[in-house]
PDB file of N, CA and C in Angstrom:
ATOM      1  N   MET A   1     106.712  96.253  81.048  1.00  0.00           N
ATOM      2  CA  MET A   1     105.338  96.024  80.660  1.00  0.00           C
ATOM      3  C   MET A   1     105.326  95.097  79.441  1.00  0.00           C
ATOM      4  N   SER A   2     104.405  94.150  79.400  1.00  0.00           N
ATOM      5  CA  SER A   2     104.346  93.210  78.289  1.00  0.00           C
ATOM      6  C   SER A   2     103.646  93.823  77.079  1.00  0.00           C
ATOM      7  N   GLU A   3     103.974  93.287  75.943  1.00  0.00           N
ATOM      8  CA  GLU A   3     103.396  93.751  74.680  1.00  0.00           C
ATOM      9  C   GLU A   3     101.907  93.405  74.624  1.00  0.00           C
ATOM     10  N   ALA A   4     101.108  94.331  74.125  1.00  0.00           N
ATOM     11  CA  ALA A   4      99.668  94.114  74.008  1.00  0.00           C
ATOM     12  C   ALA A   4      99.360  93.211  72.815  1.00  0.00           C
ATOM     13  N   LEU A   5      98.196  92.576  72.861  1.00  0.00           N
ATOM     14  CA  LEU A   5      97.740  91.767  71.732  1.00  0.00           C
ATOM     15  C   LEU A   5      97.256  92.682  70.617  1.00  0.00           C
ATOM     16  N   LYS A   6      97.690  92.414  69.410  1.00  0.00           N
ATOM     17  CA  LYS A   6      97.228  93.173  68.248  1.00  0.00           C
ATOM     18  C   LYS A   6      95.847  92.667  67.845  1.00  0.00           C
ATOM     19  N   PRO A   7      95.061  93.497  67.135  1.00  0.00           N
ATOM     20  CA  PRO A   7      93.772  93.019  66.629  1.00  0.00           C
ATOM     21  C   PRO A   7      93.987  91.982  65.530  1.00  0.00           C
ATOM     22  N   CYS A   8      92.937  91.282  65.185  1.00  0.00           N
ATOM     23  CA  CYS A   8      93.007  90.277  64.118  1.00  0.00           C
ATOM     24  C   CYS A   8      93.497  90.942  62.828  1.00  0.00           C
ATOM     25  N   PRO A   9      94.477  90.342  62.154  1.00  0.00           N
ATOM     26  CA  PRO A   9      95.010  90.942  60.929  1.00  0.00           C
ATOM     27  C   PRO A   9      94.044  90.871  59.750  1.00  0.00           C
ATOM     28  N   PHE A  10      92.973  90.110  59.859  1.00  0.00           N
ATOM     29  CA  PHE A  10      92.052  89.938  58.743  1.00  0.00           C
ATOM     30  C   PHE A  10      90.775  90.760  58.881  1.00  0.00           C
ATOM     31  N   CYS A  11      90.233  90.843  60.108  1.00  0.00           N
ATOM     32  CA  CYS A  11      88.961  91.555  60.266  1.00  0.00           C
ATOM     33  C   CYS A  11      89.035  92.687  61.280  1.00  0.00           C
ATOM     34  N   GLY A  12      90.133  92.789  62.029  1.00  0.00           N
ATOM     35  CA  GLY A  12      90.276  93.831  63.030  1.00  0.00           C
ATOM     36  C   GLY A  12      89.617  93.520  64.359  1.00  0.00           C
ATOM     37  N   GLY A  13      89.105  92.290  64.510  1.00  0.00           N
ATOM     38  CA  GLY A  13      88.454  91.894  65.759  1.00  0.00           C
ATOM     39  C   GLY A  13      89.427  91.860  66.920  1.00  0.00           C
ATOM     40  N   HIS A  14      88.882  91.902  68.128  1.00  0.00           N
ATOM     41  CA  HIS A  14      89.691  91.855  69.339  1.00  0.00           C
ATOM     42  C   HIS A  14      90.272  90.462  69.515  1.00  0.00           C
ATOM     43  N   ALA A  15      91.475  90.403  70.062  1.00  0.00           N
ATOM     44  CA  ALA A  15      92.110  89.130  70.375  1.00  0.00           C
ATOM     45  C   ALA A  15      91.596  88.641  71.723  1.00  0.00           C
ATOM     46  N   VAL A  16      91.327  87.343  71.811  1.00  0.00           N
ATOM     47  CA  VAL A  16      90.808  86.732  73.031  1.00  0.00           C
ATOM     48  C   VAL A  16      91.732  85.589  73.424  1.00  0.00           C
ATOM     49  N   PHE A  17      92.172  85.588  74.678  1.00  0.00           N
ATOM     50  CA  PHE A  17      93.023  84.516  75.188  1.00  0.00           C
ATOM     51  C   PHE A  17      92.147  83.378  75.678  1.00  0.00           C
ATOM     52  N   GLU A  18      92.439  82.149  75.219  1.00  0.00           N
ATOM     53  CA  GLU A  18      91.711  80.952  75.647  1.00  0.00           C
ATOM     54  C   GLU A  18      92.680  80.044  76.381  1.00  0.00           C
ATOM     55  N   PRO A  19      92.710  80.081  77.715  1.00  0.00           N
ATOM     56  CA  PRO A  19      93.584  79.156  78.434  1.00  0.00           C
ATOM     57  C   PRO A  19      93.043  77.739  78.314  1.00  0.00           C
ATOM     58  N   ARG A  20      93.935  76.818  78.067  1.00  0.00           N
ATOM     59  CA  ARG A  20      93.554  75.402  77.962  1.00  0.00           C
ATOM     60  C   ARG A  20      94.512  74.583  78.800  1.00  0.00           C
ATOM     61  N   LEU A  21      94.147  73.376  79.100  1.00  0.00           N
ATOM     62  CA  LEU A  21      95.002  72.524  79.915  1.00  0.00           C
ATOM     63  C   LEU A  21      96.319  72.198  79.220  1.00  0.00           C
ATOM     64  N   GLU A  22      96.263  71.938  77.929  1.00  0.00           N
ATOM     65  CA  GLU A  22      97.442  71.468  77.208  1.00  0.00           C
ATOM     66  C   GLU A  22      98.188  72.551  76.448  1.00  0.00           C
ATOM     67  N   CYS A  23      97.613  73.760  76.340  1.00  0.00           N
ATOM     68  CA  CYS A  23      98.261  74.806  75.545  1.00  0.00           C
ATOM     69  C   CYS A  23      97.633  76.167  75.835  1.00  0.00           C
ATOM     70  N   SER A  24      98.195  77.188  75.201  1.00  0.00           N
ATOM     71  CA  SER A  24      97.638  78.538  75.259  1.00  0.00           C
ATOM     72  C   SER A  24      97.237  78.942  73.852  1.00  0.00           C
ATOM     73  N   VAL A  25      96.018  79.427  73.677  1.00  0.00           N
ATOM     74  CA  VAL A  25      95.511  79.800  72.365  1.00  0.00           C
ATOM     75  C   VAL A  25      94.966  81.224  72.427  1.00  0.00           C
ATOM     76  N   ILE A  26      95.232  81.994  71.383  1.00  0.00           N
ATOM     77  CA  ILE A  26      94.642  83.317  71.224  1.00  0.00           C
ATOM     78  C   ILE A  26      93.854  83.282  69.924  1.00  0.00           C
ATOM     79  N   ARG A  27      92.634  83.797  69.960  1.00  0.00           N
ATOM     80  CA  ARG A  27      91.780  83.730  68.780  1.00  0.00           C
ATOM     81  C   ARG A  27      91.127  85.083  68.517  1.00  0.00           C
ATOM     82  N   CYS A  28      90.582  85.219  67.336  1.00  0.00           N
ATOM     83  CA  CYS A  28      89.819  86.405  66.963  1.00  0.00           C
ATOM     84  C   CYS A  28      88.450  86.343  67.620  1.00  0.00           C
ATOM     85  N   SER A  29      87.988  87.472  68.160  1.00  0.00           N
ATOM     86  CA  SER A  29      86.668  87.501  68.786  1.00  0.00           C
ATOM     87  C   SER A  29      85.550  87.276  67.775  1.00  0.00           C
ATOM     88  N   ASN A  30      85.837  87.468  66.500  1.00  0.00           N
ATOM     89  CA  ASN A  30      84.845  87.249  65.442  1.00  0.00           C
ATOM     90  C   ASN A  30      85.008  85.880  64.775  1.00  0.00           C
ATOM     91  N   ARG A  31      85.761  84.994  65.395  1.00  0.00           N
ATOM     92  CA  ARG A  31      86.077  83.695  64.790  1.00  0.00           C
ATOM     93  C   ARG A  31      84.832  82.919  64.383  1.00  0.00           C
ATOM     94  N   LEU A  32      83.792  82.980  65.177  1.00  0.00           N
ATOM     95  CA  LEU A  32      82.584  82.201  64.871  1.00  0.00           C
ATOM     96  C   LEU A  32      81.496  83.004  64.187  1.00  0.00           C
ATOM     97  N   SER A  33      81.707  84.315  64.041  1.00  0.00           N
ATOM     98  CA  SER A  33      80.624  85.122  63.493  1.00  0.00           C
ATOM     99  C   SER A  33      81.061  86.158  62.472  1.00  0.00           C
ATOM    100  N   GLY A  34      82.054  85.815  61.672  1.00  0.00           N
ATOM    101  CA  GLY A  34      82.355  86.764  60.622  1.00  0.00           C
ATOM    102  C   GLY A  34      83.798  86.866  60.171  1.00  0.00           C
ATOM    103  N   CYS A  35      84.760  86.486  61.001  1.00  0.00           N
ATOM    104  CA  CYS A  35      86.146  86.578  60.555  1.00  0.00           C
ATOM    105  C   CYS A  35      86.320  85.661  59.353  1.00  0.00           C
ATOM    106  N   PRO A  36      86.838  86.188  58.247  1.00  0.00           N
ATOM    107  CA  PRO A  36      86.888  85.404  57.009  1.00  0.00           C
ATOM    108  C   PRO A  36      87.768  84.158  57.061  1.00  0.00           C
ATOM    109  N   VAL A  37      88.698  84.099  58.000  1.00  0.00           N
ATOM    110  CA  VAL A  37      89.591  82.938  58.035  1.00  0.00           C
ATOM    111  C   VAL A  37      89.621  82.245  59.391  1.00  0.00           C
ATOM    112  N   ASN A  38      88.729  82.617  60.303  1.00  0.00           N
ATOM    113  CA  ASN A  38      88.718  82.018  61.637  1.00  0.00           C
ATOM    114  C   ASN A  38      90.107  82.006  62.250  1.00  0.00           C
ATOM    115  N   MET A  39      90.741  83.165  62.312  1.00  0.00           N
ATOM    116  CA  MET A  39      92.110  83.311  62.764  1.00  0.00           C
ATOM    117  C   MET A  39      92.291  82.865  64.207  1.00  0.00           C
ATOM    118  N   ARG A  40      93.320  82.050  64.440  1.00  0.00           N
ATOM    119  CA  ARG A  40      93.703  81.640  65.791  1.00  0.00           C
ATOM    120  C   ARG A  40      95.133  81.135  65.769  1.00  0.00           C
ATOM    121  N   THR A  41      95.783  81.142  66.919  1.00  0.00           N
ATOM    122  CA  THR A  41      97.124  80.578  66.994  1.00  0.00           C
ATOM    123  C   THR A  41      97.003  79.062  66.996  1.00  0.00           C
ATOM    124  N   GLY A  42      98.100  78.389  66.748  1.00  0.00           N
ATOM    125  CA  GLY A  42      98.116  76.926  66.780  1.00  0.00           C
ATOM    126  C   GLY A  42      98.089  76.399  68.203  1.00  0.00           C
ATOM    127  N   LYS A  43      98.033  75.098  68.329  1.00  0.00           N
ATOM    128  CA  LYS A  43      97.952  74.468  69.650  1.00  0.00           C
ATOM    129  C   LYS A  43      99.320  74.098  70.210  1.00  0.00           C
ATOM    130  N   ASN A  44     100.402  74.561  69.588  1.00  0.00           N
ATOM    131  CA  ASN A  44     101.735  74.174  70.054  1.00  0.00           C
ATOM    132  C   ASN A  44     102.376  75.213  70.963  1.00  0.00           C
ATOM    133  N   HIS A  45     101.614  76.186  71.449  1.00  0.00           N
ATOM    134  CA  HIS A  45     102.154  77.230  72.314  1.00  0.00           C
ATOM    135  C   HIS A  45     101.856  76.868  73.766  1.00  0.00           C
ATOM    136  N   LYS A  46     102.895  76.624  74.536  1.00  0.00           N
ATOM    137  CA  LYS A  46     102.719  76.189  75.921  1.00  0.00           C
ATOM    138  C   LYS A  46     102.376  77.341  76.859  1.00  0.00           C
ATOM    139  N   THR A  47     102.856  78.554  76.558  1.00  0.00           N
ATOM    140  CA  THR A  47     102.626  79.686  77.447  1.00  0.00           C
ATOM    141  C   THR A  47     101.880  80.801  76.732  1.00  0.00           C
ATOM    142  N   PHE A  48     101.321  81.723  77.526  1.00  0.00           N
ATOM    143  CA  PHE A  48     100.657  82.884  76.966  1.00  0.00           C
ATOM    144  C   PHE A  48     101.637  83.701  76.136  1.00  0.00           C
ATOM    145  N   ASP A  49     102.871  83.869  76.621  1.00  0.00           N
ATOM    146  CA  ASP A  49     103.864  84.664  75.883  1.00  0.00           C
ATOM    147  C   ASP A  49     104.159  84.070  74.510  1.00  0.00           C
ATOM    148  N   GLU A  50     104.255  82.744  74.404  1.00  0.00           N
ATOM    149  CA  GLU A  50     104.472  82.098  73.106  1.00  0.00           C
ATOM    150  C   GLU A  50     103.289  82.329  72.178  1.00  0.00           C
ATOM    151  N   ALA A  51     102.078  82.189  72.698  1.00  0.00           N
ATOM    152  CA  ALA A  51     100.881  82.399  71.883  1.00  0.00           C
ATOM    153  C   ALA A  51     100.778  83.859  71.453  1.00  0.00           C
ATOM    154  N   ARG A  52     101.071  84.789  72.381  1.00  0.00           N
ATOM    155  CA  ARG A  52     101.016  86.210  72.052  1.00  0.00           C
ATOM    156  C   ARG A  52     102.025  86.558  70.962  1.00  0.00           C
ATOM    157  N   SER A  53     103.223  86.016  71.061  1.00  0.00           N
ATOM    158  CA  SER A  53     104.248  86.273  70.050  1.00  0.00           C
ATOM    159  C   SER A  53     103.791  85.771  68.684  1.00  0.00           C
ATOM    160  N   ALA A  54     103.206  84.579  68.639  1.00  0.00           N
ATOM    161  CA  ALA A  54     102.716  84.029  67.377  1.00  0.00           C
ATOM    162  C   ALA A  54     101.558  84.862  66.831  1.00  0.00           C
ATOM    163  N   TRP A  55     100.633  85.267  67.708  1.00  0.00           N
ATOM    164  CA  TRP A  55      99.477  86.060  67.288  1.00  0.00           C
ATOM    165  C   TRP A  55      99.921  87.407  66.736  1.00  0.00           C
ATOM    166  N   ASN A  56     100.860  88.045  67.413  1.00  0.00           N
ATOM    167  CA  ASN A  56     101.293  89.386  67.026  1.00  0.00           C
ATOM    168  C   ASN A  56     102.215  89.411  65.813  1.00  0.00           C
ATOM    169  N   THR A  57     102.676  88.260  65.359  1.00  0.00           N
ATOM    170  CA  THR A  57     103.527  88.198  64.172  1.00  0.00           C
ATOM    171  C   THR A  57     102.653  88.370  62.940  1.00  0.00           C
ATOM    172  N   ARG A  58     103.011  89.323  62.109  1.00  0.00           N
ATOM    173  CA  ARG A  58     102.254  89.605  60.891  1.00  0.00           C
ATOM    174  C   ARG A  58     103.113  89.285  59.679  1.00  0.00           C
ATOM    175  N   THR A  59     102.524  88.659  58.685  1.00  0.00           N
ATOM    176  CA  THR A  59     103.247  88.273  57.472  1.00  0.00           C
ATOM    177  C   THR A  59     103.909  89.472  56.824  1.00  0.00           C
ATOM    178  N   GLU A  60     103.193  90.589  56.729  1.00  0.00           N
ATOM    179  CA  GLU A  60     103.765  91.758  56.078  1.00  0.00           C
ATOM    180  C   GLU A  60     104.957  92.313  56.861  1.00  0.00           C
ATOM    181  N   GLU A  61     104.952  92.162  58.205  1.00  0.00           N
ATOM    182  CA  GLU A  61     106.096  92.608  59.003  1.00  0.00           C
ATOM    183  C   GLU A  61     107.313  91.737  58.726  1.00  0.00           C
ATOM    184  N   ARG A  62     107.109  90.418  58.613  1.00  0.00           N
ATOM    185  CA  ARG A  62     108.220  89.510  58.311  1.00  0.00           C
ATOM    186  C   ARG A  62     108.760  89.803  56.925  1.00  0.00           C
ATOM    187  N   ALA A  63     107.894  90.098  55.969  1.00  0.00           N
ATOM    188  CA  ALA A  63     108.320  90.380  54.608  1.00  0.00           C
ATOM    189  C   ALA A  63     109.158  91.656  54.557  1.00  0.00           C
ATOM    190  N   ASN A  64     108.830  92.627  55.396  1.00  0.00           N
ATOM    191  CA  ASN A  64     109.559  93.895  55.400  1.00  0.00           C
ATOM    192  C   ASN A  64     110.885  93.824  56.143  1.00  0.00           C
ATOM    193  N   ASP A  65     111.092  92.769  56.948  1.00  0.00           N
ATOM    194  CA  ASP A  65     112.336  92.640  57.697  1.00  0.00           C
ATOM    195  C   ASP A  65     113.526  92.293  56.810  1.00  0.00           C
ATOM    196  N   GLY A  66     113.311  91.613  55.710  1.00  0.00           N
ATOM    197  CA  GLY A  66     114.410  91.109  54.906  1.00  0.00           C
ATOM    198  C   GLY A  66     114.671  91.941  53.775  1.00  0.00           C
TER     199      GLY A  66
END
């Protein structure tokens, strides 16, 4: 089973997958109406799995790994 999308790390909004022709993007559902930083993955993710991995990566988790 694949890993689920985590909520937005800034506002707790639901993650939304936006398929595009040139890339895969995951964004906060509150991106246009309240999320303080308009959280979204970058446009360099070719697959959903790459975008999901980037979205689910949290700064505090990386800081705790080392």
